[in-house]
Amino acid sequence: MYLCTGYCRRVILKKLGKIVVARRISAVIAAMMLAQGISAQQYDQREDLAAQILKEQGFEDIRLQIRNDTLVASLEDHAYRGTFRGAAKAIQSVNEKMPELRSFEILLTDYQMPQVVVHAFKREGLWDIAVDREMEHAKAVVAHQKPLASSTGKIDITVVPMVSLINNKLDHLFDYAIRIAPAIAITPWKGGRITLQPIIPISYRLTKGDTKHYVQMGSTNISQQFLATKRWQLTAAAGFFHMERMGVQANLTFHATRQLDLSLEAGQTGETYVHKGGIHFGRWKQTNIMAKADFYEPHSKLQIELQGGRFPYGDCGGRLDVTRHFSEYAIGVYGILTGGEKNAGFHFAIPFGGKRQRRTKFVRLRLPEYYAMEYSMSAFFRYTQEKMGRSYVTQPDQNRAAHYWEPRFIEEYIAKILNGNFK
């Protein structure tokens, strides 16, 4: 018979103690891993629910992440009119179904390129809103995620009405032209836009030889946004810019402050027109270059634009625009001094299509978000004949209301919608 001594018993008890401690540590680790797995699953379920809510509202290119009571998301709005209504609806719809989320950081994109970021925090039933271009944090948070409801390759057909009035006739009240210009647009890749826009005459009273008698080409080109950061934005386009100009164009913008943009625009274009014999192309011999300052004053809601340089037809001068923004309306006046001649007029962009035009299928037929028009006095013979002070746009929906990514403007109206002061 073998009898264990006191020393032997101590060794055995010590080993048993180590085993018990090891088992307890293992149990704690297993419990922590289980809790972490349950927590991760809960986060996944919340993110799936938030993504589904945003998708149902018509948002595209959705990337998001939820941590505690904060939602960080990147999304593209092709459903709601303007630049502020969609962001407000995204915050509102998620918060209604997930009230535990009180803080939002929403990165808004345009043609899949970042434009501004919206910070929203709910405090005692009211929303605090801030909008800026400090986009790096939001981009880093959602960068690894695959977008839900991608906008790549989807087609919009926008039916654009065009009305021209010329009231400088002596024998009758005015000449006119009513035309329709369906714009077919697609985003084939990040930052890219391909547009095809025939202009078709419906009814007109025009002088003989006026090119508006015939089918023409509107904004038919390819454009690309190469850069969109806190300070810089770079875009370029090539093709038809409107029925009389085609060529190449580039625009570099520096966001000096939240309210002031400084930009330089340059292009090389030639005259292009349609006549009985077909399309006539001129040589690309005209260089236009413009320096521009664009300032937004939030209290008066005035947008002041001052630009100077060489216009597309070779004349040199400057232009001043003062535009008042009434939520979704933009109405303004302008004056031009160029080549010793003067001109003035007014312009407006007013809501035209519905507040929401959701894209439910691969191809969408819709009305434009805004109807824009500019009236030119053009009372001076030389100014008209030499085509002074002319300009062009690269997109059919380019106006002072659509794609207006001014942070202070967006901030004000998101706050009004979320706090019940605007419909």
Foldseek 3Di string as FASTA:
>chain_A
DDDDDPVNVVVVVVVVVVVVVVVVVVVVVVVVVVVVVVVVVVQVVLVVVLLVQLVVQFWWQWFWGDDQQEIQIEIEDPWFFFDFPSVLVSVVRSCVVVVRRFWYWYFYDDLQHTAKIWTWGADPNAIDIFIAQPCVVSCVVRVPDGTDHHQAQFKEWAWAWDKDWAQPDDPDGIWIWIWIWTWIWGSNDRQKIFIWIKIGTDDTDDDPPPLSVHIFTAQGWMKGWDDHHRFKTKMKIFAHQGRFKGWIKIKIWTCPDLFKIKMKIKTFIWTWHQDPVGIDTGDRHFIWMKIKMWGADLVQRKIWMKMWTAARLGWGWIKIKIWHDDLQKIKIKMKIAIPNDIKIWIKIKHADWDRTDRDPDSYYYTYDRIHIDIDIPPPDPVCVVSVPPDHGGNDPNDDCGHPPSRRSSSRVVSSCVSSVNDD
